Amino acid sequence: MNYIVGAFKPSCNITITFADGRTRKQVPFKKENGKTVMVPLFQSQENIVGEVSIEPFQWKKVEHNGVKIELLGQIEMYSDRGNFYDFTSLVRELEVPGDIYERKSYPFEFSSVEMPYESYSGVNVRLRYVLKVTISRSYVGNMVEYQDFAVQKYTPVPSINNTIKMEVGIEDCLHIEFEYSKSKYHLKDVIVGKIYFLLVRIKIKHMELEIRRRESTGSGPNTHVETETLAKFELMDGVPVRGESIPIRLFLSPYELTPTYRNINNKFNVKYFLNLVLVDEEDRRYFKQQEITVYRLQET
């Protein structure tokens, strides 16, 4: 019985390391168990270089049908947890079938890898990049080890970035105009704008600006939408008068934003909205929502 139980225990330790792991920038990454770890950061078209180490435990040998390493880009829907949709898949064979008696190291390299999307961990979906090492075995299960890493995509400053101007109101009660200086913002940007009161016949208690993230997964009748309010910024407290102008100046850097994701592999979207909210003395809420584009600017 002890022999049977022992047959299913791992017979070796597998370690995956990056060649520049000590010097490369590390970023937080949320794992499937909810814990956050630090992983190395890459950009698309970079070389992924490193080493796989296999070390048998004392007095054991590792019989195998081959060793391989895969670089995978995957999308996981939490409603279908455990099933991954691969949009990138590269394989390198490290070892032909045989036995491993002592510690062995295998260098690997994936050159100029096209990684089309940025890593993302949301409410209902996760997009991740991972190195997967598999030791194939005949009579017992394969031995597998994973190493996550993150990818970020930088966008140049948009050549066209139009202002947002809109009017909103209630007939004969309220008429306001609001203006934002642009419609596209980088993650460390500042939202600058103004609110103009043209007609005020209701008693407004206060006004605030919200940043909302809308994550949609699936398609058709299976579409699932999740909306989060990431920030609330009070613009005004008290009753405005006709002709009054309220300035807007909201810094984005304190908030955990991601870039906008549009139709990623036909699986999900992530969009951002500015939601202007007015609350009257009877706690009735009036709001106007406007979509903005968020992008990642190259850090200098």
Protein backbone atom coordinates (compact mmCIF):
# COMPACT_ATOMS: atom_id res chain seq x y z
CA MET A 1 0.00 0.00 0.00
CA ASN A 2 2.82 2.42 0.81
CA TYR A 3 4.34 1.72 -2.59
CA ILE A 4 1.05 2.49 -4.37
CA VAL A 5 0.56 5.76 -2.49
CA GLY A 6 4.14 6.80 -3.13
CA ALA A 7 3.80 6.19 -6.85
CA PHE A 8 1.53 9.21 -7.22
CA LYS A 9 3.75 11.62 -5.31
CA PRO A 10 6.00 13.99 -7.29
CA SER A 11 9.39 12.38 -7.83
CA CYS A 12 11.25 15.62 -8.59
CA ASN A 13 11.25 19.37 -8.21
CA ILE A 14 10.71 21.55 -11.32
CA THR A 15 11.93 25.16 -11.32
CA ILE A 16 11.43 27.75 -14.08
CA THR A 17 13.63 30.85 -13.99
CA PHE A 18 14.03 33.82 -16.33
CA ALA A 19 17.52 34.79 -17.49
CA ASP A 20 17.01 38.41 -16.38
CA GLY A 21 14.59 37.64 -13.54
CA ARG A 22 16.60 39.55 -10.93
CA THR A 23 16.80 42.78 -12.91
CA ARG A 24 13.50 42.79 -14.80
CA LYS A 25 10.65 44.91 -13.45
CA GLN A 26 8.12 42.99 -11.34
CA VAL A 27 4.39 43.76 -11.18
CA PRO A 28 1.56 42.36 -9.00
CA PHE A 29 -0.44 39.46 -10.44
CA LYS A 30 -3.59 37.91 -8.96
CA LYS A 31 -3.57 34.11 -9.06
CA GLU A 32 -6.61 31.85 -9.36
CA ASN A 33 -6.65 31.32 -5.57
CA GLY A 34 -7.06 35.08 -5.05
CA LYS A 35 -3.52 35.62 -3.76
CA THR A 36 -1.34 38.33 -5.29
CA VAL A 37 2.26 37.56 -6.27
CA MET A 38 4.97 39.52 -8.07
CA VAL A 39 5.79 38.36 -11.61
CA PRO A 40 8.22 39.66 -14.27
CA LEU A 41 6.92 42.14 -16.83
CA PHE A 42 7.40 41.81 -20.60
CA GLN A 43 6.29 43.63 -23.74
CA SER A 44 5.18 42.16 -27.04
CA GLN A 45 8.00 41.10 -29.42
CA GLU A 46 10.45 40.58 -26.55
CA ASN A 47 12.57 37.44 -26.20
CA ILE A 48 11.53 35.11 -23.38
CA VAL A 49 14.73 33.43 -22.23
CA GLY A 50 15.44 31.29 -19.20
CA GLU A 51 16.17 27.88 -17.76
CA VAL A 52 14.22 24.86 -16.56
CA SER A 53 15.75 22.86 -13.72
CA ILE A 54 14.62 19.31 -12.87
CA GLU A 55 15.95 17.84 -9.64
CA PRO A 56 14.92 14.29 -8.62
CA PHE A 57 14.28 13.75 -4.95
CA GLN A 58 16.83 11.62 -3.08
CA TRP A 59 17.09 8.00 -4.21
CA LYS A 60 14.57 8.48 -6.99
CA LYS A 61 14.91 8.51 -10.74
CA VAL A 62 12.47 10.18 -13.11
CA GLU A 63 11.32 7.95 -15.96
CA HIS A 64 9.66 10.01 -18.68
CA ASN A 65 8.50 10.10 -22.29
CA GLY A 66 9.88 13.55 -22.95
CA VAL A 67 10.09 17.04 -21.44
CA LYS A 68 8.66 20.16 -23.10
CA ILE A 69 8.03 23.80 -22.30
CA GLU A 70 5.12 25.83 -23.70
CA LEU A 71 4.50 29.56 -23.80
CA LEU A 72 0.74 30.11 -23.62
CA GLY A 73 -1.51 33.14 -23.85
CA GLN A 74 -4.85 32.17 -22.33
CA ILE A 75 -8.30 33.59 -21.59
CA GLU A 76 -10.28 32.02 -18.74
CA MET A 77 -13.94 32.72 -18.10
CA TYR A 78 -14.75 32.27 -14.42
CA SER A 79 -18.16 30.87 -15.40
CA ASP A 80 -16.24 28.10 -17.18
CA ARG A 81 -13.38 27.85 -14.70
CA GLY A 82 -10.64 25.40 -15.59
CA ASN A 83 -11.16 25.71 -19.36
CA PHE A 84 -8.70 28.02 -21.10
CA TYR A 85 -8.94 29.54 -24.57
CA ASP A 86 -5.43 29.69 -26.02
CA PHE A 87 -4.71 32.62 -28.36
CA THR A 88 -0.92 32.10 -28.28
CA SER A 89 0.79 28.70 -28.13
CA LEU A 90 4.49 28.00 -28.68
CA VAL A 91 6.33 24.77 -27.81
CA ARG A 92 9.99 23.82 -27.28
CA GLU A 93 11.08 20.21 -26.74
CA LEU A 94 13.68 20.05 -23.95
CA GLU A 95 14.42 16.32 -23.61
CA VAL A 96 13.76 13.06 -25.50
CA PRO A 97 12.33 10.05 -23.61
CA GLY A 98 14.67 8.61 -20.99
CA ASP A 99 15.59 8.74 -17.30
CA ILE A 100 16.80 11.58 -15.10
CA TYR A 101 18.98 10.50 -12.16
CA GLU A 102 20.37 13.85 -11.01
CA ARG A 103 19.70 17.56 -11.33
CA LYS A 104 19.56 18.70 -14.96
CA SER A 105 19.10 22.15 -16.45
CA TYR A 106 17.62 22.99 -19.84
CA PRO A 107 17.95 26.46 -21.38
CA PHE A 108 15.00 27.73 -23.41
CA GLU A 109 14.27 30.72 -25.63
CA PHE A 110 11.16 32.04 -27.36
CA SER A 111 12.31 34.77 -29.75
CA SER A 112 10.34 37.92 -30.65
CA VAL A 113 7.11 36.56 -29.24
CA GLU A 114 3.93 38.20 -30.52
CA MET A 115 1.83 38.81 -27.40
CA PRO A 116 -1.15 40.74 -28.78
CA TYR A 117 -3.06 41.58 -25.60
CA GLU A 118 -2.25 43.01 -22.19
CA SER A 119 -2.63 40.83 -19.09
CA TYR A 120 -5.92 41.32 -17.25
CA SER A 121 -7.57 39.99 -14.11
CA GLY A 122 -11.18 41.07 -13.75
CA VAL A 123 -14.46 40.13 -12.08
CA ASN A 124 -15.48 37.38 -14.52
CA VAL A 125 -12.50 36.88 -16.82
CA ARG A 126 -8.74 36.57 -16.71
CA LEU A 127 -6.17 36.96 -19.48
CA ARG A 128 -2.78 35.55 -18.59
CA TYR A 129 0.56 34.51 -20.04
CA VAL A 130 2.29 31.46 -18.62
CA LEU A 131 5.24 29.13 -19.15
CA LYS A 132 4.19 25.50 -18.74
CA VAL A 133 6.70 22.65 -18.28
CA THR A 134 5.41 19.10 -18.77
CA ILE A 135 7.24 15.87 -17.94
CA SER A 136 5.28 13.17 -19.82
CA ARG A 137 4.92 9.79 -18.08
CA SER A 138 3.20 6.54 -19.10
CA TYR A 139 1.72 4.85 -16.06
CA VAL A 140 1.21 7.79 -13.73
CA GLY A 141 0.06 11.34 -14.37
CA ASN A 142 2.25 13.88 -16.12
CA MET A 143 4.23 16.28 -13.95
CA VAL A 144 3.44 19.91 -14.72
CA GLU A 145 4.84 23.22 -13.45
CA TYR A 146 3.64 26.75 -14.29
CA GLN A 147 5.32 30.16 -14.19
CA ASP A 148 3.16 33.23 -14.82
CA PHE A 149 4.45 36.48 -16.25
CA ALA A 150 2.74 39.74 -17.18
CA VAL A 151 2.52 41.64 -20.46
CA GLN A 152 1.82 45.35 -20.89
CA LYS A 153 1.06 47.15 -24.16
CA TYR A 154 2.12 50.76 -24.63
CA THR A 155 0.21 53.18 -26.85
CA PRO A 156 1.59 56.40 -28.39
CA VAL A 157 -0.16 59.67 -27.65
CA PRO A 158 -3.28 59.81 -29.89
CA SER A 159 -2.94 62.19 -32.82
CA ILE A 160 -6.65 63.01 -32.53
CA ASN A 161 -8.18 63.52 -29.09
CA ASN A 162 -11.45 65.41 -29.33
CA THR A 163 -13.11 67.27 -26.49
CA ILE A 164 -16.40 66.01 -25.05
CA LYS A 165 -19.25 68.54 -24.95
CA MET A 166 -22.78 67.55 -23.96
CA GLU A 167 -26.00 69.06 -22.67
CA VAL A 168 -28.32 67.43 -20.17
CA GLY A 169 -31.44 68.58 -18.41
CA ILE A 170 -35.05 68.25 -17.36
CA GLU A 171 -37.51 70.44 -19.22
CA ASP A 172 -38.17 73.71 -17.38
CA CYS A 173 -36.30 72.42 -14.30
CA LEU A 174 -32.63 71.89 -15.05
CA HIS A 175 -30.29 72.61 -17.94
CA ILE A 176 -26.53 72.10 -17.70
CA GLU A 177 -23.63 71.77 -20.11
CA PHE A 178 -20.51 69.83 -19.32
CA GLU A 179 -17.22 69.74 -21.13
CA TYR A 180 -14.14 67.51 -20.79
CA SER A 181 -10.89 68.62 -22.40
CA LYS A 182 -10.40 65.27 -24.21
CA SER A 183 -11.90 61.81 -24.68
CA LYS A 184 -8.75 59.65 -24.40
CA TYR A 185 -6.67 59.45 -21.21
CA HIS A 186 -3.54 57.58 -20.19
CA LEU A 187 -3.41 55.78 -16.84
CA LYS A 188 -1.62 58.66 -15.06
CA ASP A 189 -3.59 61.44 -16.73
CA VAL A 190 -5.79 64.18 -15.27
CA ILE A 191 -9.44 64.70 -16.23
CA VAL A 192 -9.97 68.42 -16.74
CA GLY A 193 -13.33 70.00 -17.52
CA LYS A 194 -16.14 72.35 -16.54
CA ILE A 195 -19.83 72.20 -15.65
CA TYR A 196 -22.06 75.14 -16.68
CA PHE A 197 -25.47 75.72 -15.07
CA LEU A 198 -27.83 77.38 -17.54
CA LEU A 199 -31.11 76.73 -15.69
CA VAL A 200 -31.58 75.61 -12.07
CA ARG A 201 -35.11 75.25 -10.68
CA ILE A 202 -34.55 72.21 -8.46
CA LYS A 203 -32.74 72.23 -5.14
CA ILE A 204 -29.48 70.36 -5.80
CA LYS A 205 -27.74 69.08 -2.69
CA HIS A 206 -24.45 67.99 -4.23
CA MET A 207 -22.79 66.84 -7.45
CA GLU A 208 -20.12 64.18 -7.99
CA LEU A 209 -18.13 62.57 -10.78
CA GLU A 210 -17.71 58.77 -10.88
CA ILE A 211 -15.31 56.59 -12.82
CA ARG A 212 -17.00 53.34 -13.80
CA ARG A 213 -15.55 50.20 -15.35
CA ARG A 214 -17.87 47.94 -17.35
CA GLU A 215 -16.66 44.40 -18.03
CA SER A 216 -18.70 42.34 -20.50
CA THR A 217 -18.03 38.67 -21.26
CA GLY A 218 -19.60 36.23 -23.70
CA SER A 219 -21.89 37.13 -26.58
CA GLY A 220 -25.58 37.17 -27.50
CA PRO A 221 -27.90 35.79 -24.81
CA ASN A 222 -24.87 34.56 -22.86
CA THR A 223 -23.44 38.06 -22.40
CA HIS A 224 -22.68 38.91 -18.78
CA VAL A 225 -22.01 42.52 -17.76
CA GLU A 226 -20.39 43.63 -14.51
CA THR A 227 -20.09 47.33 -13.60
CA GLU A 228 -17.76 48.65 -10.89
CA THR A 229 -17.56 52.19 -9.51
CA LEU A 230 -13.83 52.78 -9.07
CA ALA A 231 -13.89 56.38 -7.90
CA LYS A 232 -16.26 59.04 -6.58
CA PHE A 233 -15.14 62.66 -6.64
CA GLU A 234 -17.32 65.40 -5.16
CA LEU A 235 -17.49 68.43 -7.47
CA MET A 236 -19.92 70.63 -5.56
CA ASP A 237 -21.74 70.80 -2.25
CA GLY A 238 -24.70 73.16 -2.07
CA VAL A 239 -27.19 74.79 -4.41
CA PRO A 240 -25.76 76.25 -7.65
CA VAL A 241 -27.15 79.36 -9.29
CA ARG A 242 -27.79 80.12 -12.94
CA GLY A 243 -24.61 81.02 -14.78
CA GLU A 244 -22.34 79.28 -12.29
CA SER A 245 -19.34 77.30 -13.59
CA ILE A 246 -17.82 74.37 -11.65
CA PRO A 247 -14.28 73.24 -12.58
CA ILE A 248 -13.32 69.55 -12.82
CA ARG A 249 -9.84 68.29 -12.05
CA LEU A 250 -9.59 64.57 -11.30
CA PHE A 251 -6.26 62.71 -11.14
CA LEU A 252 -6.40 59.10 -12.40
CA SER A 253 -3.13 57.82 -10.90
CA PRO A 254 -4.57 56.88 -7.44
CA TYR A 255 -7.04 54.43 -9.00
CA GLU A 256 -6.43 50.89 -10.22
CA LEU A 257 -7.33 51.39 -13.86
CA THR A 258 -6.43 49.20 -16.81
CA PRO A 259 -6.41 50.16 -20.48
CA THR A 260 -9.64 49.84 -22.44
CA TYR A 261 -10.04 46.33 -23.91
CA ARG A 262 -12.15 46.12 -27.09
CA ASN A 263 -13.42 42.74 -28.31
CA ILE A 264 -10.46 40.72 -27.04
CA ASN A 265 -10.41 37.50 -29.05
CA ASN A 266 -14.23 37.75 -29.26
CA LYS A 267 -14.36 36.89 -25.54
CA PHE A 268 -14.60 40.10 -23.51
CA ASN A 269 -14.59 43.91 -23.41
CA VAL A 270 -13.56 46.38 -20.72
CA LYS A 271 -14.81 49.95 -21.07
CA TYR A 272 -14.60 53.07 -18.88
CA PHE A 273 -17.21 55.77 -18.31
CA LEU A 274 -17.37 59.15 -16.62
CA ASN A 275 -20.68 59.37 -14.75
CA LEU A 276 -21.83 62.83 -13.69
CA VAL A 277 -24.32 62.56 -10.80
CA LEU A 278 -26.53 65.28 -9.29
CA VAL A 279 -28.50 64.61 -6.09
CA ASP A 280 -31.36 66.86 -5.00
CA GLU A 281 -32.63 67.51 -1.46
CA GLU A 282 -35.09 64.63 -1.78
CA ASP A 283 -32.21 62.31 -2.69
CA ARG A 284 -33.34 61.90 -6.28
CA ARG A 285 -30.40 61.25 -8.57
CA TYR A 286 -29.85 62.68 -12.04
CA PHE A 287 -26.92 61.44 -14.06
CA LYS A 288 -25.25 61.55 -17.48
CA GLN A 289 -22.71 58.96 -18.59
CA GLN A 290 -19.95 59.35 -21.16
CA GLU A 291 -17.52 56.71 -22.40
CA ILE A 292 -13.79 57.50 -22.43
CA THR A 293 -10.82 55.57 -23.77
CA VAL A 294 -8.00 54.65 -21.38
CA TYR A 295 -4.54 53.66 -22.66
CA ARG A 296 -1.09 52.93 -21.28
CA LEU A 297 1.57 55.50 -22.11
CA GLN A 298 5.25 54.54 -22.22
CA GLU A 299 6.89 55.58 -18.94
CA THR A 300 9.88 57.90 -19.20
